[in-house]
């Protein structure tokens, strides 16, 4: 990796950390230049605009999410085990990620839900891909006979992500110490409703 590439990666990684603390809009080229001891012109050479940096941050966050959640979950067998693995690794992402406010994507979703533009569109695209991963895992669980044949995979994905959104709200804003237990209980109920009854 060249020195320029290494500097660029360092800028993006630092911006991602700061976005988890103060929101992506709060991250400025000037503050990053000061923190990384770079000249503003030097930083500007890597990112011609704040928007370009924001898009790079979202891309980096998604790559980390794919590595830490999706690829890890793919180690589990198809069907319900993989659905459970997606949920468990998502919870781990909440607890151990670089983001003091929880899941960076849920924070970005709240931050950009009513801000049109390329950054909004990038957040939307990333979340649609996540929903598609969950929906696809639920479909495979139907195909393997773990989930009932009449299950609506899109509804399953909706409820799956709703549990995560509630966990973010309860654990980060309300600071309920029982938030993760309640999220697990809600997910267990979702699995119970989705399984083939015997």
N, C-alpha and C. Protein backbone atom coordinates (compact mmCIF):
# COMPACT_ATOMS: atom_id res chain seq x y z
N UNK A 1 0.84 -1.19 0.00
CA UNK A 1 0.00 0.00 0.00
C UNK A 1 0.88 1.25 0.00
N UNK A 2 0.57 2.20 -0.87
CA UNK A 2 1.36 3.42 -0.95
C UNK A 2 1.07 4.31 0.26
N UNK A 3 1.94 5.28 0.48
CA UNK A 3 1.76 6.20 1.58
C UNK A 3 0.45 6.98 1.43
N UNK A 4 0.14 7.35 0.17
CA UNK A 4 -1.11 8.06 -0.07
C UNK A 4 -2.32 7.22 0.26
N UNK A 5 -2.28 5.94 -0.11
CA UNK A 5 -3.41 5.04 0.19
C UNK A 5 -3.55 4.84 1.69
N UNK A 6 -2.43 4.70 2.38
CA UNK A 6 -2.46 4.53 3.82
C UNK A 6 -3.04 5.77 4.50
N UNK A 7 -2.64 6.96 4.03
CA UNK A 7 -3.19 8.20 4.60
C UNK A 7 -4.69 8.28 4.37
N UNK A 8 -5.11 7.89 3.17
CA UNK A 8 -6.55 7.94 2.87
C UNK A 8 -7.33 7.00 3.79
N UNK A 9 -6.81 5.81 3.99
CA UNK A 9 -7.48 4.86 4.88
C UNK A 9 -7.54 5.38 6.31
N UNK A 10 -6.48 6.04 6.72
CA UNK A 10 -6.45 6.60 8.07
C UNK A 10 -7.49 7.72 8.22
N UNK A 11 -7.63 8.53 7.19
CA UNK A 11 -8.63 9.60 7.21
C UNK A 11 -10.03 9.00 7.33
N UNK A 12 -10.32 8.00 6.52
CA UNK A 12 -11.66 7.39 6.53
C UNK A 12 -11.94 6.71 7.87
N UNK A 13 -10.96 5.97 8.39
CA UNK A 13 -11.15 5.28 9.66
C UNK A 13 -11.41 6.27 10.80
N UNK A 14 -10.67 7.37 10.81
CA UNK A 14 -10.87 8.39 11.84
C UNK A 14 -12.23 9.05 11.69
N UNK A 15 -12.61 9.35 10.46
CA UNK A 15 -13.92 9.96 10.21
C UNK A 15 -15.04 9.02 10.63
N UNK A 16 -14.88 7.72 10.40
CA UNK A 16 -15.90 6.76 10.81
C UNK A 16 -16.04 6.73 12.33
N UNK A 17 -14.93 6.76 13.03
CA UNK A 17 -14.98 6.78 14.49
C UNK A 17 -15.69 8.04 14.98
N UNK A 18 -15.34 9.17 14.41
CA UNK A 18 -15.97 10.43 14.83
C UNK A 18 -17.46 10.44 14.47
N UNK A 19 -17.82 9.86 13.34
CA UNK A 19 -19.24 9.80 12.95
C UNK A 19 -20.04 9.00 13.97
N UNK A 20 -19.42 7.96 14.53
CA UNK A 20 -20.09 7.18 15.56
C UNK A 20 -20.28 7.95 16.85
N UNK A 21 -19.50 9.00 17.05
CA UNK A 21 -19.59 9.80 18.27
C UNK A 21 -20.48 11.02 18.12
N UNK A 22 -20.34 11.73 16.98
CA UNK A 22 -21.02 13.02 16.83
C UNK A 22 -21.93 13.09 15.62
N UNK A 23 -22.04 12.00 14.88
CA UNK A 23 -22.83 12.02 13.65
C UNK A 23 -21.96 12.36 12.46
N UNK A 24 -22.35 11.88 11.30
CA UNK A 24 -21.53 12.07 10.10
C UNK A 24 -21.51 13.53 9.67
N UNK A 25 -22.62 14.24 9.85
CA UNK A 25 -22.66 15.66 9.47
C UNK A 25 -21.70 16.49 10.30
N UNK A 26 -21.42 16.05 11.53
CA UNK A 26 -20.54 16.81 12.41
C UNK A 26 -19.07 16.66 12.09
N UNK A 27 -18.74 15.71 11.22
CA UNK A 27 -17.33 15.48 10.85
C UNK A 27 -16.96 16.44 9.73
N UNK A 28 -15.97 17.26 9.96
CA UNK A 28 -15.54 18.23 8.95
C UNK A 28 -14.12 17.94 8.49
N UNK A 29 -13.81 18.39 7.30
CA UNK A 29 -12.45 18.22 6.77
C UNK A 29 -11.44 18.94 7.66
N UNK A 30 -11.83 20.11 8.15
CA UNK A 30 -10.92 20.88 9.00
C UNK A 30 -10.60 20.18 10.31
N UNK A 31 -11.64 19.63 10.96
CA UNK A 31 -11.40 18.95 12.24
C UNK A 31 -10.57 17.69 12.05
N UNK A 32 -10.79 16.99 10.93
CA UNK A 32 -9.99 15.79 10.65
C UNK A 32 -8.53 16.16 10.37
N UNK A 33 -8.34 17.23 9.63
CA UNK A 33 -6.97 17.67 9.33
C UNK A 33 -6.23 17.99 10.63
N UNK A 34 -6.91 18.67 11.55
CA UNK A 34 -6.28 19.01 12.83
C UNK A 34 -5.95 17.74 13.62
N UNK A 35 -6.91 16.82 13.69
CA UNK A 35 -6.71 15.61 14.49
C UNK A 35 -5.59 14.74 13.93
N UNK A 36 -5.52 14.66 12.61
CA UNK A 36 -4.52 13.80 11.97
C UNK A 36 -3.22 14.54 11.67
N UNK A 37 -3.19 15.81 12.06
CA UNK A 37 -2.00 16.65 11.84
C UNK A 37 -1.62 16.69 10.35
N UNK A 38 -2.65 16.91 9.54
CA UNK A 38 -2.47 17.09 8.11
C UNK A 38 -2.84 18.52 7.75
N UNK A 39 -2.29 19.01 6.67
CA UNK A 39 -2.74 20.31 6.18
C UNK A 39 -4.11 20.12 5.54
N UNK A 40 -4.91 21.18 5.55
CA UNK A 40 -6.22 21.08 4.93
C UNK A 40 -6.09 20.80 3.43
N UNK A 41 -5.08 21.39 2.82
CA UNK A 41 -4.88 21.14 1.38
C UNK A 41 -4.47 19.69 1.14
N UNK A 42 -3.68 19.12 2.07
CA UNK A 42 -3.29 17.72 1.95
C UNK A 42 -4.47 16.79 2.06
N UNK A 43 -5.37 17.10 3.00
CA UNK A 43 -6.56 16.27 3.16
C UNK A 43 -7.49 16.46 1.97
N UNK A 44 -7.56 17.70 1.48
CA UNK A 44 -8.42 18.00 0.34
C UNK A 44 -7.96 17.26 -0.91
N UNK A 45 -6.66 16.93 -0.98
CA UNK A 45 -6.15 16.19 -2.12
C UNK A 45 -6.73 14.78 -2.17
N UNK A 46 -7.09 14.23 -1.00
CA UNK A 46 -7.68 12.88 -0.94
C UNK A 46 -9.19 12.92 -1.13
N UNK A 47 -9.83 13.96 -0.61
CA UNK A 47 -11.29 14.09 -0.70
C UNK A 47 -11.61 15.50 -1.12
N UNK A 48 -12.15 15.63 -2.32
CA UNK A 48 -12.38 16.95 -2.89
C UNK A 48 -13.57 17.67 -2.24
N UNK A 49 -14.34 16.95 -1.43
CA UNK A 49 -15.49 17.57 -0.78
C UNK A 49 -15.86 16.78 0.46
N UNK A 50 -16.63 17.40 1.31
CA UNK A 50 -17.14 16.72 2.50
C UNK A 50 -18.03 15.54 2.09
N UNK A 51 -18.80 15.72 1.03
CA UNK A 51 -19.68 14.66 0.57
C UNK A 51 -18.88 13.43 0.11
N UNK A 52 -17.77 13.65 -0.57
CA UNK A 52 -16.93 12.53 -1.00
C UNK A 52 -16.40 11.76 0.20
N UNK A 53 -16.02 12.48 1.24
CA UNK A 53 -15.56 11.82 2.46
C UNK A 53 -16.69 11.04 3.11
N UNK A 54 -17.88 11.63 3.16
CA UNK A 54 -19.02 10.95 3.78
C UNK A 54 -19.34 9.65 3.05
N UNK A 55 -19.29 9.68 1.74
CA UNK A 55 -19.57 8.47 0.96
C UNK A 55 -18.51 7.41 1.20
N UNK A 56 -17.26 7.83 1.35
CA UNK A 56 -16.18 6.88 1.65
C UNK A 56 -16.36 6.27 3.03
N UNK A 57 -16.84 7.06 3.98
CA UNK A 57 -17.09 6.56 5.33
C UNK A 57 -18.20 5.51 5.32
N UNK A 58 -19.26 5.78 4.59
CA UNK A 58 -20.36 4.81 4.50
C UNK A 58 -19.89 3.52 3.86
N UNK A 59 -19.08 3.63 2.81
CA UNK A 59 -18.53 2.44 2.15
C UNK A 59 -17.66 1.64 3.11
N UNK A 60 -16.82 2.32 3.88
CA UNK A 60 -15.96 1.63 4.85
C UNK A 60 -16.79 0.95 5.93
N UNK A 61 -17.81 1.64 6.41
CA UNK A 61 -18.67 1.05 7.44
C UNK A 61 -19.36 -0.21 6.91
N UNK A 62 -19.81 -0.15 5.67
CA UNK A 62 -20.48 -1.32 5.11
C UNK A 62 -19.51 -2.48 4.92
N UNK A 63 -18.28 -2.19 4.51
CA UNK A 63 -17.29 -3.25 4.37
C UNK A 63 -17.02 -3.92 5.71
N UNK A 64 -16.93 -3.13 6.76
CA UNK A 64 -16.72 -3.69 8.09
C UNK A 64 -17.92 -4.52 8.52
N UNK A 65 -19.12 -4.04 8.20
CA UNK A 65 -20.33 -4.77 8.56
C UNK A 65 -20.37 -6.12 7.84
N UNK A 66 -20.04 -6.11 6.56
CA UNK A 66 -20.03 -7.35 5.79
C UNK A 66 -19.03 -8.34 6.40
N UNK A 67 -17.84 -7.85 6.75
CA UNK A 67 -16.81 -8.72 7.32
C UNK A 67 -17.21 -9.26 8.69
N UNK A 68 -17.76 -8.40 9.54
CA UNK A 68 -18.00 -8.77 10.93
C UNK A 68 -19.35 -9.42 11.18
N UNK A 69 -20.32 -9.19 10.30
CA UNK A 69 -21.66 -9.74 10.51
C UNK A 69 -22.00 -10.78 9.45
N UNK A 70 -22.02 -10.37 8.20
CA UNK A 70 -22.52 -11.26 7.15
C UNK A 70 -21.56 -12.42 6.88
N UNK A 71 -20.28 -12.13 6.68
CA UNK A 71 -19.35 -13.23 6.39
C UNK A 71 -19.24 -14.19 7.55
N UNK A 72 -19.28 -13.67 8.76
CA UNK A 72 -19.24 -14.56 9.92
C UNK A 72 -20.50 -15.42 9.98
N UNK A 73 -21.65 -14.84 9.67
CA UNK A 73 -22.90 -15.61 9.70
C UNK A 73 -22.92 -16.69 8.63
N UNK A 74 -22.24 -16.44 7.51
CA UNK A 74 -22.23 -17.42 6.43
C UNK A 74 -21.50 -18.71 6.81
N UNK A 75 -20.77 -18.68 7.92
CA UNK A 75 -20.14 -19.91 8.41
C UNK A 75 -21.16 -20.91 8.95
N UNK A 76 -22.32 -20.39 9.35
CA UNK A 76 -23.37 -21.25 9.90
C UNK A 76 -24.12 -21.95 8.78
N UNK A 77 -24.68 -23.13 9.03
CA UNK A 77 -25.44 -23.83 8.00
C UNK A 77 -26.66 -23.02 7.55
N UNK A 78 -27.09 -23.26 6.31
CA UNK A 78 -28.28 -22.59 5.80
C UNK A 78 -29.48 -22.91 6.68
N UNK A 79 -30.46 -22.04 6.63
CA UNK A 79 -31.68 -22.25 7.40
C UNK A 79 -31.67 -21.45 8.68
N UNK A 80 -32.38 -21.95 9.67
CA UNK A 80 -32.49 -21.23 10.93
C UNK A 80 -31.13 -20.94 11.57
N UNK A 81 -30.16 -21.87 11.53
CA UNK A 81 -28.85 -21.55 12.14
C UNK A 81 -28.21 -20.29 11.56
N UNK A 82 -28.36 -20.08 10.26
CA UNK A 82 -27.77 -18.88 9.66
C UNK A 82 -28.56 -17.63 10.04
N UNK A 83 -29.87 -17.74 10.14
CA UNK A 83 -30.69 -16.61 10.59
C UNK A 83 -30.27 -16.20 12.00
N UNK A 84 -30.12 -17.20 12.88
CA UNK A 84 -29.69 -16.93 14.25
C UNK A 84 -28.30 -16.31 14.26
N UNK A 85 -27.42 -16.81 13.41
CA UNK A 85 -26.05 -16.27 13.35
C UNK A 85 -26.06 -14.81 12.91
N UNK A 86 -26.91 -14.46 11.95
CA UNK A 86 -27.02 -13.06 11.54
C UNK A 86 -27.41 -12.19 12.72
N UNK A 87 -28.37 -12.66 13.49
CA UNK A 87 -28.84 -11.88 14.64
C UNK A 87 -27.74 -11.77 15.69
N UNK A 88 -27.08 -12.88 16.00
CA UNK A 88 -26.04 -12.87 17.03
C UNK A 88 -24.86 -11.97 16.64
N UNK A 89 -24.46 -12.03 15.38
CA UNK A 89 -23.34 -11.19 14.96
C UNK A 89 -23.75 -9.73 14.87
N UNK A 90 -25.03 -9.47 14.59
CA UNK A 90 -25.53 -8.10 14.61
C UNK A 90 -25.48 -7.55 16.04
N UNK A 91 -25.89 -8.37 17.01
CA UNK A 91 -25.80 -7.95 18.41
C UNK A 91 -24.35 -7.69 18.80
N UNK A 92 -23.45 -8.52 18.32
CA UNK A 92 -22.03 -8.33 18.62
C UNK A 92 -21.54 -7.02 18.00
N UNK A 93 -22.02 -6.71 16.81
CA UNK A 93 -21.70 -5.44 16.14
C UNK A 93 -22.15 -4.26 17.01
N UNK A 94 -23.33 -4.36 17.62
CA UNK A 94 -23.82 -3.32 18.53
C UNK A 94 -22.85 -3.15 19.71
N UNK A 95 -22.44 -4.28 20.29
CA UNK A 95 -21.66 -4.23 21.54
C UNK A 95 -20.20 -3.87 21.32
N UNK A 96 -19.60 -4.41 20.25
CA UNK A 96 -18.15 -4.34 20.12
C UNK A 96 -17.69 -3.47 18.97
N UNK A 97 -18.60 -2.81 18.28
CA UNK A 97 -18.20 -1.99 17.14
C UNK A 97 -17.48 -0.72 17.57
N UNK A 98 -17.12 0.07 16.58
CA UNK A 98 -16.39 1.31 16.81
C UNK A 98 -17.33 2.48 17.09
N UNK A 99 -18.55 2.18 17.42
CA UNK A 99 -19.57 3.21 17.42
C UNK A 99 -20.25 3.34 18.79
N UNK A 100 -19.90 4.36 19.56
CA UNK A 100 -20.47 4.51 20.89
C UNK A 100 -22.00 4.61 20.89
N UNK A 101 -22.57 5.02 19.75
CA UNK A 101 -24.02 5.16 19.69
C UNK A 101 -24.70 3.90 19.17
N UNK A 102 -23.97 2.79 19.14
CA UNK A 102 -24.58 1.54 18.70
C UNK A 102 -24.28 1.27 17.24
N UNK A 103 -25.27 0.77 16.50
CA UNK A 103 -25.08 0.46 15.09
C UNK A 103 -24.98 1.76 14.30
N UNK A 104 -23.86 1.96 13.63
CA UNK A 104 -23.64 3.19 12.88
C UNK A 104 -24.71 3.38 11.81
N UNK A 105 -25.23 2.29 11.24
CA UNK A 105 -26.21 2.42 10.18
C UNK A 105 -27.57 2.87 10.71
N UNK A 106 -27.92 2.44 11.91
CA UNK A 106 -29.16 2.93 12.49
C UNK A 106 -29.03 4.41 12.84
N UNK A 107 -27.85 4.81 13.30
CA UNK A 107 -27.61 6.23 13.56
C UNK A 107 -27.68 7.04 12.27
N UNK A 108 -27.05 6.51 11.22
CA UNK A 108 -27.08 7.21 9.93
C UNK A 108 -28.50 7.27 9.37
N UNK A 109 -29.27 6.22 9.58
CA UNK A 109 -30.65 6.21 9.09
C UNK A 109 -31.46 7.32 9.71
N UNK A 110 -31.27 7.54 11.02
CA UNK A 110 -31.97 8.63 11.70
C UNK A 110 -31.43 9.99 11.25
N UNK A 111 -30.14 10.06 11.00
CA UNK A 111 -29.51 11.33 10.64
C UNK A 111 -29.88 11.78 9.24
N UNK A 112 -30.07 10.82 8.32
CA UNK A 112 -30.28 11.18 6.92
C UNK A 112 -31.65 10.79 6.37
N UNK A 113 -32.58 10.42 7.23
CA UNK A 113 -33.87 9.96 6.71
C UNK A 113 -34.61 11.05 5.93
N UNK A 114 -34.39 12.32 6.26
CA UNK A 114 -35.10 13.39 5.56
C UNK A 114 -34.13 14.36 4.88
N UNK A 115 -32.93 13.89 4.54
CA UNK A 115 -31.94 14.73 3.85
C UNK A 115 -31.67 14.14 2.48
N UNK A 116 -32.32 14.64 1.45
CA UNK A 116 -32.09 14.07 0.11
C UNK A 116 -30.67 14.33 -0.37
N UNK A 117 -30.20 13.45 -1.23
CA UNK A 117 -28.87 13.62 -1.80
C UNK A 117 -28.11 12.32 -1.86
N UNK A 118 -26.89 12.34 -2.38
CA UNK A 118 -26.10 11.11 -2.55
C UNK A 118 -25.81 10.38 -1.24
N UNK A 119 -25.58 11.10 -0.14
CA UNK A 119 -25.29 10.43 1.13
C UNK A 119 -26.54 9.69 1.61
N UNK A 120 -27.68 10.35 1.55
CA UNK A 120 -28.95 9.69 1.88
C UNK A 120 -29.14 8.43 1.04
N UNK A 121 -28.89 8.56 -0.26
CA UNK A 121 -29.08 7.42 -1.17
C UNK A 121 -28.14 6.27 -0.83
N UNK A 122 -26.91 6.59 -0.43
CA UNK A 122 -25.95 5.54 -0.06
C UNK A 122 -26.39 4.81 1.20
N UNK A 123 -26.93 5.55 2.17
CA UNK A 123 -27.44 4.92 3.40
C UNK A 123 -28.62 4.02 3.06
N UNK A 124 -29.54 4.51 2.22
CA UNK A 124 -30.70 3.72 1.82
C UNK A 124 -30.27 2.43 1.12
N UNK A 125 -29.32 2.55 0.21
CA UNK A 125 -28.85 1.36 -0.52
C UNK A 125 -28.24 0.33 0.41
N UNK A 126 -27.45 0.79 1.37
CA UNK A 126 -26.82 -0.14 2.31
C UNK A 126 -27.87 -0.86 3.14
N UNK A 127 -28.91 -0.14 3.56
CA UNK A 127 -29.95 -0.77 4.37
C UNK A 127 -30.83 -1.71 3.56
N UNK A 128 -31.04 -1.39 2.30
CA UNK A 128 -31.78 -2.31 1.44
C UNK A 128 -31.01 -3.61 1.24
N UNK A 129 -29.69 -3.50 1.13
CA UNK A 129 -28.88 -4.72 1.00
C UNK A 129 -28.96 -5.57 2.27
N UNK A 130 -28.94 -4.92 3.43
CA UNK A 130 -29.06 -5.65 4.70
C UNK A 130 -30.41 -6.34 4.79
N UNK A 131 -31.48 -5.64 4.45
CA UNK A 131 -32.81 -6.26 4.45
C UNK A 131 -32.86 -7.45 3.50
N UNK A 132 -32.20 -7.32 2.37
CA UNK A 132 -32.19 -8.41 1.39
C UNK A 132 -31.44 -9.62 1.93
N UNK A 133 -30.36 -9.39 2.67
CA UNK A 133 -29.64 -10.50 3.29
C UNK A 133 -30.55 -11.24 4.27
N UNK A 134 -31.27 -10.51 5.09
CA UNK A 134 -32.16 -11.15 6.08
C UNK A 134 -33.29 -11.88 5.37
N UNK A 135 -33.88 -11.21 4.38
CA UNK A 135 -34.98 -11.85 3.64
C UNK A 135 -34.49 -13.13 2.97
N UNK A 136 -33.33 -13.08 2.36
CA UNK A 136 -32.79 -14.27 1.70
C UNK A 136 -32.51 -15.39 2.69
N UNK A 137 -32.00 -15.05 3.87
CA UNK A 137 -31.75 -16.08 4.89
C UNK A 137 -33.05 -16.71 5.34
N UNK A 138 -34.11 -15.90 5.47
CA UNK A 138 -35.42 -16.44 5.85
C UNK A 138 -35.96 -17.36 4.76
N UNK A 139 -35.77 -16.98 3.50
CA UNK A 139 -36.21 -17.84 2.39
C UNK A 139 -35.50 -19.19 2.43
N UNK A 140 -34.19 -19.17 2.69
CA UNK A 140 -33.45 -20.43 2.78
C UNK A 140 -33.97 -21.27 3.95
N UNK A 141 -34.39 -20.61 5.03
CA UNK A 141 -34.92 -21.34 6.18
C UNK A 141 -36.25 -22.00 5.83
N UNK A 142 -37.02 -21.38 4.96
CA UNK A 142 -38.25 -22.00 4.46
C UNK A 142 -37.89 -23.20 3.59
N UNK A 143 -36.93 -23.02 2.69
CA UNK A 143 -36.53 -24.08 1.76
C UNK A 143 -35.98 -25.30 2.49
N UNK A 144 -35.27 -25.07 3.61
CA UNK A 144 -34.70 -26.20 4.35
C UNK A 144 -35.71 -26.86 5.29
N UNK A 145 -36.90 -26.28 5.38
CA UNK A 145 -37.93 -26.87 6.24
C UNK A 145 -37.85 -26.42 7.68
N UNK A 146 -37.02 -25.43 7.97
CA UNK A 146 -36.94 -24.92 9.34
C UNK A 146 -38.06 -23.93 9.64
N UNK A 147 -38.44 -23.14 8.63
CA UNK A 147 -39.52 -22.16 8.78
C UNK A 147 -40.74 -22.64 7.99
N UNK A 148 -41.89 -22.19 8.39
CA UNK A 148 -43.13 -22.66 7.76
C UNK A 148 -43.24 -22.18 6.31
N UNK A 149 -43.90 -22.95 5.45
CA UNK A 149 -43.94 -22.63 4.01
C UNK A 149 -44.64 -21.31 3.70
N UNK A 150 -45.58 -20.89 4.54
CA UNK A 150 -46.33 -19.67 4.25
C UNK A 150 -45.69 -18.42 4.87
N UNK A 151 -44.47 -18.55 5.37
CA UNK A 151 -43.79 -17.39 5.96
C UNK A 151 -43.57 -16.31 4.91
N UNK A 152 -43.76 -15.07 5.28
CA UNK A 152 -43.47 -13.93 4.42
C UNK A 152 -42.06 -13.45 4.78
N UNK A 153 -41.05 -13.76 3.95
CA UNK A 153 -39.67 -13.39 4.28
C UNK A 153 -39.47 -11.88 4.44
N UNK A 154 -40.20 -11.08 3.66
CA UNK A 154 -40.07 -9.63 3.78
C UNK A 154 -40.59 -9.15 5.13
N UNK A 155 -41.69 -9.75 5.59
CA UNK A 155 -42.21 -9.40 6.92
C UNK A 155 -41.24 -9.84 8.01
N UNK A 156 -40.63 -11.00 7.82
CA UNK A 156 -39.64 -11.48 8.78
C UNK A 156 -38.48 -10.48 8.87
N UNK A 157 -37.99 -10.01 7.71
CA UNK A 157 -36.89 -9.04 7.70
C UNK A 157 -37.31 -7.74 8.37
N UNK A 158 -38.55 -7.33 8.16
CA UNK A 158 -39.06 -6.11 8.79
C UNK A 158 -39.01 -6.24 10.31
N UNK A 159 -39.51 -7.36 10.83
CA UNK A 159 -39.54 -7.54 12.28
C UNK A 159 -38.14 -7.74 12.85
N UNK A 160 -37.29 -8.43 12.12
CA UNK A 160 -35.89 -8.64 12.53
C UNK A 160 -35.21 -7.29 12.76
N UNK A 161 -35.31 -6.40 11.76
CA UNK A 161 -34.66 -5.10 11.89
C UNK A 161 -35.36 -4.21 12.92
N UNK A 162 -36.67 -4.39 13.08
CA UNK A 162 -37.39 -3.60 14.09
C UNK A 162 -36.86 -3.91 15.49
N UNK A 163 -36.51 -5.16 15.72
CA UNK A 163 -35.94 -5.54 17.03
C UNK A 163 -34.62 -4.80 17.24
N UNK A 164 -33.78 -4.74 16.20
CA UNK A 164 -32.51 -4.04 16.33
C UNK A 164 -32.71 -2.54 16.56
N UNK A 165 -33.67 -1.94 15.87
CA UNK A 165 -33.94 -0.52 16.06
C UNK A 165 -34.40 -0.24 17.50
N UNK A 166 -35.24 -1.11 18.01
CA UNK A 166 -35.70 -0.94 19.39
C UNK A 166 -34.54 -1.13 20.37
N UNK A 167 -33.67 -2.08 20.08
CA UNK A 167 -32.50 -2.29 20.94
C UNK A 167 -31.63 -1.03 20.97
N UNK A 168 -31.42 -0.42 19.81
CA UNK A 168 -30.62 0.81 19.76
C UNK A 168 -31.27 1.90 20.63
N UNK A 169 -32.58 2.07 20.49
CA UNK A 169 -33.30 3.09 21.24
C UNK A 169 -33.25 2.81 22.75
N UNK A 170 -33.53 1.56 23.12
CA UNK A 170 -33.61 1.22 24.53
C UNK A 170 -32.25 1.22 25.21
N UNK A 171 -31.22 0.77 24.49
CA UNK A 171 -29.91 0.66 25.13
C UNK A 171 -29.14 1.97 25.11
N UNK A 172 -29.25 2.74 24.03
CA UNK A 172 -28.43 3.95 23.90
C UNK A 172 -29.13 5.19 24.42
N UNK A 173 -30.41 5.34 24.12
CA UNK A 173 -31.12 6.55 24.55
C UNK A 173 -31.72 6.38 25.95
N UNK A 174 -32.51 5.33 26.10
CA UNK A 174 -33.18 5.09 27.39
C UNK A 174 -32.23 4.47 28.40
N UNK A 175 -31.20 3.78 27.89
CA UNK A 175 -30.19 3.11 28.73
C UNK A 175 -30.82 2.07 29.66
N UNK A 176 -31.67 1.25 29.06
CA UNK A 176 -32.29 0.14 29.78
C UNK A 176 -31.27 -1.00 29.87
N UNK A 177 -30.86 -1.39 31.07
CA UNK A 177 -29.87 -2.47 31.20
C UNK A 177 -30.41 -3.82 30.73
N UNK A 178 -31.73 -3.92 30.57
CA UNK A 178 -32.34 -5.16 30.11
C UNK A 178 -32.58 -5.17 28.60
N UNK A 179 -32.07 -4.17 27.91
CA UNK A 179 -32.39 -4.03 26.48
C UNK A 179 -31.99 -5.25 25.66
N UNK A 180 -30.77 -5.76 25.88
CA UNK A 180 -30.34 -6.90 25.07
C UNK A 180 -31.17 -8.14 25.41
N UNK A 181 -31.45 -8.35 26.68
CA UNK A 181 -32.29 -9.49 27.05
C UNK A 181 -33.65 -9.40 26.38
N UNK A 182 -34.23 -8.21 26.38
CA UNK A 182 -35.55 -8.03 25.76
C UNK A 182 -35.46 -8.24 24.25
N UNK A 183 -34.37 -7.80 23.63
CA UNK A 183 -34.20 -8.01 22.19
C UNK A 183 -34.10 -9.50 21.88
N UNK A 184 -33.36 -10.22 22.70
CA UNK A 184 -33.25 -11.66 22.49
C UNK A 184 -34.61 -12.36 22.67
N UNK A 185 -35.36 -11.90 23.65
CA UNK A 185 -36.69 -12.49 23.88
C UNK A 185 -37.61 -12.21 22.69
N UNK A 186 -37.54 -10.98 22.17
CA UNK A 186 -38.36 -10.65 21.00
C UNK A 186 -37.95 -11.48 19.79
N UNK A 187 -36.65 -11.68 19.62
CA UNK A 187 -36.18 -12.49 18.49
C UNK A 187 -36.60 -13.94 18.66
N UNK A 188 -36.54 -14.43 19.89
CA UNK A 188 -37.01 -15.80 20.14
C UNK A 188 -38.47 -15.96 19.78
N UNK A 189 -39.28 -14.94 20.09
CA UNK A 189 -40.69 -14.99 19.71
C UNK A 189 -40.87 -14.99 18.21
N UNK A 190 -40.05 -14.20 17.51
CA UNK A 190 -40.11 -14.18 16.05
C UNK A 190 -39.77 -15.54 15.48
N UNK A 191 -38.74 -16.18 16.01
CA UNK A 191 -38.38 -17.53 15.54
C UNK A 191 -39.50 -18.52 15.81
N UNK A 192 -40.08 -18.45 17.00
CA UNK A 192 -41.17 -19.38 17.33
C UNK A 192 -42.33 -19.25 16.37
N UNK A 193 -42.67 -18.02 16.00
CA UNK A 193 -43.79 -17.81 15.08
C UNK A 193 -43.45 -18.23 13.66
N UNK A 194 -42.16 -18.30 13.36
CA UNK A 194 -41.72 -18.59 12.00
C UNK A 194 -41.51 -20.08 11.75
N UNK A 195 -41.31 -20.84 12.81
CA UNK A 195 -41.02 -22.27 12.66
C UNK A 195 -42.26 -23.06 12.26
N UNK A 196 -41.99 -24.22 11.67
CA UNK A 196 -43.07 -25.16 11.38
C UNK A 196 -43.52 -25.77 12.69
N UNK A 197 -44.82 -25.71 12.97
CA UNK A 197 -45.33 -26.29 14.21
C UNK A 197 -45.44 -27.80 14.06
N UNK A 198 -45.13 -28.50 15.17
CA UNK A 198 -45.18 -29.96 15.14
C UNK A 198 -46.24 -30.46 16.13
